[in-house]
Amino acid sequence: MEFLFTGQGKIVAFVVGNTLECAKELYNKTEQKVGNIERIYTDGNSMYKSAFSDLGVSDLHIVAPGKSETHMIEAINSSIRDNLARFNRRSKRFSRTLEILNDTLLLFFNTKKYNRT
């Protein structure tokens, strides 16, 4: 699961998945909403490097050396796992479709303080 935030802690765009195509989709959705993207902070997952290289924006990409640039994302991910059972261990509860996961996240974000812009 991937998320992107503005400086105000609002969710701009999200994509459910962990593939190269998902990383590209996340960038494109964010660019549509925000316009000019100055920097992209991610963890060390290699799919980001490949995706941003394919999109021609690898100069904006910074792999965060620690949690200082990605702590907001990690906090939201933790909150999602705490509040939504379907994001806990797969052996207990899980969703069978990406559409259900997407709808669940939309409901969660719109009822919590993370209102999308």
C-alpha atoms as a PDB file:
ATOM      1  CA  MET A   1       0.000   0.000   0.000  1.00  0.00           C
ATOM      2  CA  GLU A   2       1.305   3.416  -0.859  1.00  0.00           C
ATOM      3  CA  PHE A   3       0.398   6.961   0.164  1.00  0.00           C
ATOM      4  CA  LEU A   4       1.506  10.487  -0.587  1.00  0.00           C
ATOM      5  CA  PHE A   5       0.934  13.552   1.597  1.00  0.00           C
ATOM      6  CA  THR A   6       1.107  17.308   1.305  1.00  0.00           C
ATOM      7  CA  GLY A   7       2.910  19.448   3.865  1.00  0.00           C
ATOM      8  CA  GLN A   8      -0.325  19.854   5.829  1.00  0.00           C
ATOM      9  CA  GLY A   9      -0.601  16.118   6.475  1.00  0.00           C
ATOM     10  CA  LYS A  10      -3.500  15.677   4.069  1.00  0.00           C
ATOM     11  CA  ILE A  11      -3.694  12.665   1.807  1.00  0.00           C
ATOM     12  CA  VAL A  12      -3.416  13.775  -1.793  1.00  0.00           C
ATOM     13  CA  ALA A  13      -3.491  10.395  -3.502  1.00  0.00           C
ATOM     14  CA  PHE A  14      -3.186   6.740  -2.658  1.00  0.00           C
ATOM     15  CA  VAL A  15      -2.836   3.494  -4.533  1.00  0.00           C
ATOM     16  CA  VAL A  16      -3.381   0.009  -3.168  1.00  0.00           C
ATOM     17  CA  GLY A  17      -0.601  -2.272  -4.310  1.00  0.00           C
ATOM     18  CA  ASN A  18       3.131  -2.798  -4.339  1.00  0.00           C
ATOM     19  CA  THR A  19       4.178  -2.943  -7.980  1.00  0.00           C
ATOM     20  CA  LEU A  20       6.040  -0.779 -10.448  1.00  0.00           C
ATOM     21  CA  GLU A  21       2.746   0.174 -12.101  1.00  0.00           C
ATOM     22  CA  CYS A  22       1.302   1.222  -8.734  1.00  0.00           C
ATOM     23  CA  ALA A  23       4.254   3.519  -8.062  1.00  0.00           C
ATOM     24  CA  LYS A  24       3.787   5.149 -11.472  1.00  0.00           C
ATOM     25  CA  GLU A  25       0.042   5.487 -10.909  1.00  0.00           C
ATOM     26  CA  LEU A  26       0.651   7.118  -7.525  1.00  0.00           C
ATOM     27  CA  TYR A  27       3.005   9.660  -9.073  1.00  0.00           C
ATOM     28  CA  ASN A  28       0.563  10.451 -11.894  1.00  0.00           C
ATOM     29  CA  LYS A  29      -2.414  10.844  -9.522  1.00  0.00           C
ATOM     30  CA  THR A  30      -0.395  13.124  -7.277  1.00  0.00           C
ATOM     31  CA  GLU A  31       0.842  15.242 -10.157  1.00  0.00           C
ATOM     32  CA  GLN A  32      -2.743  15.707 -11.344  1.00  0.00           C
ATOM     33  CA  LYS A  33      -3.857  16.914  -7.902  1.00  0.00           C
ATOM     34  CA  VAL A  34      -0.811  18.944  -6.855  1.00  0.00           C
ATOM     35  CA  GLY A  35       0.790  20.023 -10.098  1.00  0.00           C
ATOM     36  CA  ASN A  36       4.488  20.669  -9.645  1.00  0.00           C
ATOM     37  CA  ILE A  37       6.182  18.072  -7.431  1.00  0.00           C
ATOM     38  CA  GLU A  38       9.421  19.336  -5.900  1.00  0.00           C
ATOM     39  CA  ARG A  39      10.639  16.227  -4.032  1.00  0.00           C
ATOM     40  CA  ILE A  40       9.685  12.614  -3.591  1.00  0.00           C
ATOM     41  CA  TYR A  41      10.790  10.862  -0.393  1.00  0.00           C
ATOM     42  CA  THR A  42      10.493   7.083  -0.242  1.00  0.00           C
ATOM     43  CA  ASP A  43      11.942   4.155   1.603  1.00  0.00           C
ATOM     44  CA  GLY A  44      14.618   2.033  -0.047  1.00  0.00           C
ATOM     45  CA  ASN A  45      12.223  -0.109  -2.117  1.00  0.00           C
ATOM     46  CA  SER A  46      13.807  -0.482  -5.570  1.00  0.00           C
ATOM     47  CA  MET A  47      10.491  -0.235  -7.420  1.00  0.00           C
ATOM     48  CA  TYR A  48      10.398   3.504  -6.718  1.00  0.00           C
ATOM     49  CA  LYS A  49      13.765   4.062  -8.342  1.00  0.00           C
ATOM     50  CA  SER A  50      12.666   2.128 -11.437  1.00  0.00           C
ATOM     51  CA  ALA A  51       9.263   3.825 -11.629  1.00  0.00           C
ATOM     52  CA  PHE A  52      10.606   7.360 -11.292  1.00  0.00           C
ATOM     53  CA  SER A  53      13.388   6.610 -13.760  1.00  0.00           C
ATOM     54  CA  ASP A  54      10.792   5.362 -16.279  1.00  0.00           C
ATOM     55  CA  LEU A  55       8.743   8.532 -15.712  1.00  0.00           C
ATOM     56  CA  GLY A  56      11.830  10.747 -16.141  1.00  0.00           C
ATOM     57  CA  VAL A  57      11.665  12.279 -12.654  1.00  0.00           C
ATOM     58  CA  SER A  58      14.477  10.370 -10.951  1.00  0.00           C
ATOM     59  CA  ASP A  59      16.181  13.679 -10.065  1.00  0.00           C
ATOM     60  CA  LEU A  60      13.254  14.472  -7.703  1.00  0.00           C
ATOM     61  CA  HIS A  61      13.499  11.132  -5.897  1.00  0.00           C
ATOM     62  CA  ILE A  62      15.300  10.967  -2.564  1.00  0.00           C
ATOM     63  CA  VAL A  63      15.639   7.729  -0.641  1.00  0.00           C
ATOM     64  CA  ALA A  64      15.070   8.735   2.962  1.00  0.00           C
ATOM     65  CA  PRO A  65      18.046   7.687   5.087  1.00  0.00           C
ATOM     66  CA  GLY A  66      15.817   7.399   8.147  1.00  0.00           C
ATOM     67  CA  LYS A  67      12.256   8.017   9.238  1.00  0.00           C
ATOM     68  CA  SER A  68      12.482  11.820   9.400  1.00  0.00           C
ATOM     69  CA  GLU A  69      11.025  12.292   5.904  1.00  0.00           C
ATOM     70  CA  THR A  70       8.641   9.337   5.924  1.00  0.00           C
ATOM     71  CA  HIS A  71       7.387   9.392   9.538  1.00  0.00           C
ATOM     72  CA  MET A  72       3.982  10.802   8.508  1.00  0.00           C
ATOM     73  CA  ILE A  73       3.393   7.930   6.113  1.00  0.00           C
ATOM     74  CA  GLU A  74       4.498   5.346   8.678  1.00  0.00           C
ATOM     75  CA  ALA A  75       2.183   6.891  11.299  1.00  0.00           C
ATOM     76  CA  ILE A  76      -0.801   6.672   8.954  1.00  0.00           C
ATOM     77  CA  ASN A  77       0.078   3.090   8.007  1.00  0.00           C
ATOM     78  CA  SER A  78       0.190   2.189  11.698  1.00  0.00           C
ATOM     79  CA  SER A  79      -3.158   3.859  12.314  1.00  0.00           C
ATOM     80  CA  ILE A  80      -4.701   1.937   9.416  1.00  0.00           C
ATOM     81  CA  ARG A  81      -3.453  -1.389  10.784  1.00  0.00           C
ATOM     82  CA  ASP A  82      -4.746  -0.500  14.261  1.00  0.00           C
ATOM     83  CA  ASN A  83      -8.200   0.619  13.118  1.00  0.00           C
ATOM     84  CA  LEU A  84      -8.995  -1.591  10.147  1.00  0.00           C
ATOM     85  CA  ALA A  85      -8.978  -5.329  10.755  1.00  0.00           C
ATOM     86  CA  ARG A  86      -8.652  -6.192   7.067  1.00  0.00           C
ATOM     87  CA  PHE A  87      -5.120  -4.728   7.096  1.00  0.00           C
ATOM     88  CA  ASN A  88      -3.970  -6.961   9.945  1.00  0.00           C
ATOM     89  CA  ARG A  89      -2.560 -10.450   9.545  1.00  0.00           C
ATOM     90  CA  ARG A  90      -3.960 -12.222   6.513  1.00  0.00           C
ATOM     91  CA  SER A  91      -4.745 -15.377   8.480  1.00  0.00           C
ATOM     92  CA  LYS A  92      -7.393 -13.525  10.510  1.00  0.00           C
ATOM     93  CA  ARG A  93      -9.182 -11.138   8.158  1.00  0.00           C
ATOM     94  CA  PHE A  94      -8.509  -9.931   4.673  1.00  0.00           C
ATOM     95  CA  SER A  95     -10.176  -8.503   1.570  1.00  0.00           C
ATOM     96  CA  ARG A  96     -10.362 -10.510  -1.592  1.00  0.00           C
ATOM     97  CA  THR A  97     -10.472  -7.581  -4.012  1.00  0.00           C
ATOM     98  CA  LEU A  98      -8.548  -4.362  -4.495  1.00  0.00           C
ATOM     99  CA  GLU A  99     -11.855  -2.503  -4.941  1.00  0.00           C
ATOM    100  CA  ILE A 100     -12.914  -3.380  -1.386  1.00  0.00           C
ATOM    101  CA  LEU A 101      -9.537  -2.278  -0.016  1.00  0.00           C
ATOM    102  CA  ASN A 102      -9.778   0.967  -1.976  1.00  0.00           C
ATOM    103  CA  ASP A 103     -13.325   1.674  -0.738  1.00  0.00           C
ATOM    104  CA  THR A 104     -12.351   0.849   2.840  1.00  0.00           C
ATOM    105  CA  LEU A 105      -9.470   3.316   2.706  1.00  0.00           C
ATOM    106  CA  LEU A 106     -11.671   6.029   1.189  1.00  0.00           C
ATOM    107  CA  LEU A 107     -14.139   5.630   4.051  1.00  0.00           C
ATOM    108  CA  PHE A 108     -11.355   5.626   6.642  1.00  0.00           C
ATOM    109  CA  PHE A 109      -9.631   8.727   5.252  1.00  0.00           C
ATOM    110  CA  ASN A 110     -12.868  10.674   4.954  1.00  0.00           C
ATOM    111  CA  THR A 111     -14.005   9.896   8.512  1.00  0.00           C
ATOM    112  CA  LYS A 112     -10.642  10.564  10.158  1.00  0.00           C
ATOM    113  CA  LYS A 113      -8.521  13.690  10.254  1.00  0.00           C
ATOM    114  CA  TYR A 114      -6.766  12.655   7.029  1.00  0.00           C
ATOM    115  CA  ASN A 115      -9.402  14.154   4.735  1.00  0.00           C
ATOM    116  CA  ARG A 116      -8.243  14.015   1.165  1.00  0.00           C
ATOM    117  CA  THR A 117      -7.733  17.324  -0.603  1.00  0.00           C
END
